Amino acid sequence: MSVEVLPSSVSVSRAGSFRSPGVLPGPGTSCSTYSPPPIKHDYSFKIITLGMSGVGKTMLSLRYTNDVFYVPYNSTIGLDYSWKSIRLGSKNIFLRVWDTSGQERFGQIIQQYVRKSDGVVLAYDTTNPASIEKLQHYLDFANVSGAENAIKILVGCKADLTEKRQVSHEVGKALAEKLGVSFFETSAKDSLNVEAAFRTLATEILEKRMSSDYFTAAPSNQLGSSTINLTDVGRRNSRKWFYCF
């Protein structure tokens, strides 16, 4: 397989996805179903989204990785997978984004994929107060499932639905401060803050990975400062692939 090694002056973003309702790969599998992107990556980060069903996790993920938005969109069955190749400073980073179902009947399956995640997106719906009240449950779920040391961010989805808003910006911000994590209100429909949210998460993961704290298991909600410049350029790769791990 030919490998394209990019010079440090080139910034590239590539993306793809894999959706297979009801058919999930084994988390311990070491294989690839599709050819990987022809690019050498310095790091591969595993990111998982958690939150109630219907809060907007799937559209958040697909807006970031594939720059698409669908209405209506069916609820996720089990998990969906998408990826994006980005440049963080001088490093080529491969982001594996696992979008999980908020339905508790898939809890045991999802738990296997949460394990050893590098980053967790805790998502809620700004038009549904119950979704933010339930976030402690998903945070606990992540921690007991093996993602206690993952970098976490808090994301309020559907910020474009201003007339239906029931969770204020101040409430979300207060919760983020309590958890000690970064906070974003996003709109997948308008592409508001979607790039910024994942950009911040990826940057903080890289800073942790490159710091001495990474090797001493720093507390899960301690976040470093975002000092690495990330540039995403929308050159797309039509080839899709499935990363088994």
Protein backbone atom coordinates (compact mmCIF):
# COMPACT_ATOMS: atom_id res chain seq x y z
CA MET A 1 0.00 0.00 0.00
CA SER A 2 1.40 3.38 -0.94
CA VAL A 3 1.65 5.94 1.83
CA GLU A 4 1.41 9.66 1.27
CA VAL A 5 3.65 11.58 3.68
CA LEU A 6 2.64 15.21 3.81
CA PRO A 7 5.15 18.02 4.36
CA SER A 8 4.63 20.04 7.54
CA SER A 9 3.45 23.05 5.54
CA VAL A 10 0.40 21.21 4.18
CA SER A 11 -2.85 21.02 6.15
CA VAL A 12 -5.35 18.39 5.05
CA SER A 13 -8.71 17.17 6.28
CA ARG A 14 -10.14 13.86 5.11
CA ALA A 15 -13.36 12.23 6.25
CA GLY A 16 -15.59 9.20 5.94
CA SER A 17 -18.14 7.10 7.77
CA PHE A 18 -19.48 3.61 8.23
CA ARG A 19 -23.07 2.91 9.25
CA SER A 20 -24.26 -0.64 9.81
CA PRO A 21 -27.43 -0.85 11.94
CA GLY A 22 -27.58 -4.02 13.96
CA VAL A 23 -24.18 -5.32 12.85
CA LEU A 24 -21.30 -4.24 15.06
CA PRO A 25 -17.63 -5.21 14.82
CA GLY A 26 -15.88 -6.87 17.72
CA PRO A 27 -13.95 -4.31 19.80
CA GLY A 28 -10.98 -6.66 20.06
CA THR A 29 -10.71 -7.26 16.32
CA SER A 30 -7.50 -6.20 14.58
CA CYS A 31 -8.40 -5.72 10.93
CA SER A 32 -9.66 -3.26 8.34
CA THR A 33 -12.68 -3.76 6.14
CA TYR A 34 -11.82 -0.91 3.79
CA SER A 35 -8.52 0.53 2.64
CA PRO A 36 -7.22 3.19 5.06
CA PRO A 37 -6.64 6.77 3.93
CA PRO A 38 -3.29 7.07 2.08
CA ILE A 39 -1.67 9.22 4.72
CA LYS A 40 0.79 8.60 7.52
CA HIS A 41 -0.70 9.45 10.92
CA ASP A 42 1.32 10.37 13.98
CA TYR A 43 -1.55 9.64 16.36
CA SER A 44 -4.96 7.96 16.33
CA PHE A 45 -7.53 9.20 18.84
CA LYS A 46 -10.71 7.38 19.78
CA ILE A 47 -13.65 9.71 20.53
CA ILE A 48 -17.07 8.59 21.72
CA THR A 49 -20.33 10.53 22.04
CA LEU A 50 -22.65 9.93 24.99
CA GLY A 51 -26.08 11.32 25.82
CA MET A 52 -29.80 10.61 25.68
CA SER A 53 -31.40 9.34 22.49
CA GLY A 54 -32.45 12.15 20.18
CA VAL A 55 -30.22 14.90 21.56
CA GLY A 56 -28.36 15.29 18.25
CA LYS A 57 -25.20 13.20 18.69
CA THR A 58 -25.35 11.62 15.24
CA MET A 59 -25.80 14.86 13.36
CA LEU A 60 -23.09 16.49 15.45
CA SER A 61 -20.67 13.70 14.49
CA LEU A 62 -21.64 13.63 10.82
CA ARG A 63 -21.53 17.40 10.46
CA TYR A 64 -17.96 17.31 11.74
CA THR A 65 -16.66 14.28 9.87
CA ASN A 66 -18.65 14.51 6.62
CA ASP A 67 -20.11 18.04 6.66
CA VAL A 68 -23.66 16.78 6.16
CA PHE A 69 -27.01 17.33 7.89
CA TYR A 70 -30.19 15.30 7.46
CA VAL A 71 -33.78 15.96 8.60
CA PRO A 72 -35.35 13.73 9.74
CA TYR A 73 -32.75 11.24 10.92
CA ASN A 74 -33.41 7.81 12.43
CA SER A 75 -32.18 7.04 15.93
CA THR A 76 -28.87 5.24 16.11
CA ILE A 77 -29.08 1.48 16.63
CA GLY A 78 -26.11 0.46 18.74
CA LEU A 79 -23.25 2.53 17.35
CA ASP A 80 -22.26 4.41 14.21
CA TYR A 81 -18.69 5.07 13.18
CA SER A 82 -17.11 7.95 11.26
CA TRP A 83 -13.59 9.27 10.90
CA LYS A 84 -11.64 12.35 10.05
CA SER A 85 -7.97 12.96 9.31
CA ILE A 86 -6.71 16.35 10.48
CA ARG A 87 -3.52 18.28 11.18
CA LEU A 88 -2.77 19.47 14.73
CA GLY A 89 0.26 21.69 14.60
CA SER A 90 2.88 19.54 12.84
CA LYS A 91 1.09 16.26 13.64
CA ASN A 92 -1.24 14.25 11.42
CA ILE A 93 -4.10 12.97 13.59
CA PHE A 94 -6.63 10.28 12.79
CA LEU A 95 -9.90 10.77 14.71
CA ARG A 96 -12.16 7.74 15.16
CA VAL A 97 -15.58 9.04 16.19
CA TRP A 98 -18.01 6.52 17.69
CA ASP A 99 -21.58 7.79 17.86
CA THR A 100 -23.54 5.81 20.45
CA SER A 101 -27.22 5.11 20.90
CA GLY A 102 -28.82 6.75 23.90
CA GLN A 103 -31.11 3.75 24.35
CA GLU A 104 -30.15 1.89 27.51
CA ARG A 105 -30.87 -1.51 25.96
CA PHE A 106 -27.59 -1.12 24.07
CA GLY A 107 -25.64 -0.29 27.23
CA GLN A 108 -23.67 -3.53 27.46
CA ILE A 109 -22.63 -3.32 23.82
CA ILE A 110 -21.66 0.34 24.03
CA GLN A 111 -19.67 -0.25 27.21
CA GLN A 112 -17.16 -2.31 25.24
CA TYR A 113 -16.51 0.59 22.87
CA VAL A 114 -16.28 3.25 25.56
CA ARG A 115 -13.31 1.43 27.08
CA LYS A 116 -9.99 3.20 26.53
CA SER A 117 -11.52 6.18 24.74
CA ASP A 118 -9.23 9.19 24.43
CA GLY A 119 -12.09 11.67 24.37
CA VAL A 120 -15.76 11.77 25.39
CA VAL A 121 -18.40 14.17 24.07
CA LEU A 122 -21.15 14.56 26.67
CA ALA A 123 -24.09 15.83 24.63
CA TYR A 124 -27.46 17.24 25.62
CA ASP A 125 -30.37 18.92 23.82
CA THR A 126 -30.88 22.61 24.63
CA THR A 127 -34.63 22.10 24.06
CA ASN A 128 -34.89 19.17 26.51
CA PRO A 129 -34.08 19.79 30.21
CA ALA A 130 -34.19 16.05 30.97
CA SER A 131 -31.23 15.49 28.66
CA ILE A 132 -28.89 17.66 30.71
CA GLU A 133 -30.21 16.25 33.98
CA LYS A 134 -29.29 12.76 32.72
CA LEU A 135 -25.69 13.67 31.87
CA GLN A 136 -24.35 12.63 35.26
CA HIS A 137 -25.56 9.13 34.43
CA TYR A 138 -23.57 9.13 31.17
CA LEU A 139 -20.50 10.57 32.86
CA ASP A 140 -20.64 7.80 35.47
CA PHE A 141 -21.20 5.28 32.69
CA ALA A 142 -18.06 6.49 30.89
CA ASN A 143 -15.97 6.37 34.05
CA VAL A 144 -16.99 2.85 35.05
CA SER A 145 -16.65 1.63 31.45
CA GLY A 146 -12.93 2.38 31.23
CA ALA A 147 -12.91 6.01 30.06
CA GLU A 148 -12.24 7.59 33.46
CA ASN A 149 -9.03 9.20 32.20
CA ALA A 150 -10.45 10.40 28.87
CA ILE A 151 -10.64 14.11 28.08
CA LYS A 152 -14.27 15.19 28.21
CA ILE A 153 -16.20 18.12 26.79
CA LEU A 154 -19.79 19.24 27.30
CA VAL A 155 -21.85 20.03 24.20
CA GLY A 156 -25.31 21.55 24.03
CA CYS A 157 -26.93 20.60 20.70
CA LYS A 158 -29.67 22.29 18.62
CA ALA A 159 -28.69 25.82 19.59
CA ASP A 160 -30.43 27.04 16.42
CA LEU A 161 -33.86 26.21 17.92
CA THR A 162 -33.98 29.43 19.91
CA GLU A 163 -37.78 29.51 20.23
CA LYS A 164 -37.81 26.00 21.71
CA ARG A 165 -34.84 26.48 24.04
CA GLN A 166 -35.43 25.27 27.61
CA VAL A 167 -31.84 24.97 28.85
CA SER A 168 -30.06 28.32 29.12
CA HIS A 169 -26.44 28.89 28.16
CA GLU A 170 -25.72 29.74 31.80
CA VAL A 171 -26.97 26.34 33.00
CA GLY A 172 -24.72 24.51 30.56
CA LYS A 173 -21.74 26.69 31.40
CA ALA A 174 -22.26 26.15 35.13
CA LEU A 175 -22.32 22.38 34.67
CA ALA A 176 -19.14 22.50 32.58
CA GLU A 177 -17.39 24.55 35.25
CA LYS A 178 -18.52 22.06 37.89
CA LEU A 179 -17.09 19.17 35.85
CA GLY A 180 -13.99 21.13 34.88
CA VAL A 181 -14.47 20.61 31.15
CA SER A 182 -14.75 22.76 28.03
CA PHE A 183 -18.25 23.77 26.96
CA PHE A 184 -19.83 24.50 23.58
CA GLU A 185 -23.34 25.17 22.36
CA THR A 186 -23.62 23.82 18.83
CA SER A 187 -25.94 23.60 15.86
CA ALA A 188 -25.31 20.77 13.41
CA LYS A 189 -27.88 22.37 11.10
CA ASP A 190 -26.03 25.71 10.97
CA SER A 191 -22.59 24.17 11.57
CA LEU A 192 -22.24 26.39 14.64
CA ASN A 193 -19.29 25.57 16.90
CA VAL A 194 -19.10 21.98 15.62
CA GLU A 195 -15.54 22.36 14.34
CA ALA A 196 -14.56 24.31 17.45
CA ALA A 197 -15.86 21.61 19.80
CA PHE A 198 -14.01 18.72 18.17
CA ARG A 199 -10.97 20.94 17.57
CA THR A 200 -10.71 21.70 21.25
CA LEU A 201 -11.23 18.09 22.25
CA ALA A 202 -8.58 16.82 19.82
CA THR A 203 -6.12 19.50 20.90
CA GLU A 204 -6.55 18.69 24.58
CA ILE A 205 -6.13 14.97 23.88
CA LEU A 206 -2.90 15.65 21.99
CA GLU A 207 -1.57 17.89 24.74
CA LYS A 208 -2.29 15.20 27.29
CA ARG A 209 -0.77 12.50 25.10
CA MET A 210 2.42 14.54 24.67
CA SER A 211 2.70 15.59 28.30
CA SER A 212 4.25 13.73 31.21
CA ASP A 213 0.82 13.70 32.88
CA TYR A 214 -0.33 11.18 30.28
CA PHE A 215 2.06 8.60 31.65
CA THR A 216 1.03 9.20 35.26
CA ALA A 217 -2.74 8.84 34.69
CA ALA A 218 -3.84 12.41 35.38
CA PRO A 219 -7.40 12.90 36.69
CA SER A 220 -9.95 12.51 33.93
CA ASN A 221 -11.36 16.02 34.04
CA GLN A 222 -8.10 17.99 34.22
CA LEU A 223 -7.74 19.86 30.95
CA GLY A 224 -4.64 21.54 29.61
CA SER A 225 -4.61 24.89 27.83
CA SER A 226 -5.34 24.90 24.11
CA THR A 227 -2.10 26.20 22.61
CA ILE A 228 -1.83 24.09 19.46
CA ASN A 229 -3.19 25.60 16.27
CA LEU A 230 -5.44 23.27 14.28
CA THR A 231 -6.20 23.88 10.64
CA ASP A 232 -8.81 21.83 8.80
CA VAL A 233 -8.98 22.19 5.02
CA GLY A 234 -11.93 20.56 3.30
CA ARG A 235 -10.20 18.32 0.77
CA ARG A 236 -12.24 15.15 1.04
CA ASN A 237 -11.44 11.50 0.51
CA SER A 238 -14.29 9.51 -1.04
CA ARG A 239 -12.84 6.18 0.08
CA LYS A 240 -14.47 4.91 3.25
CA TRP A 241 -12.97 2.43 5.65
CA PHE A 242 -13.77 0.69 8.87
CA TYR A 243 -11.21 0.71 11.65
CA CYS A 244 -11.38 -2.35 13.88
CA PHE A 245 -9.56 -2.24 17.20
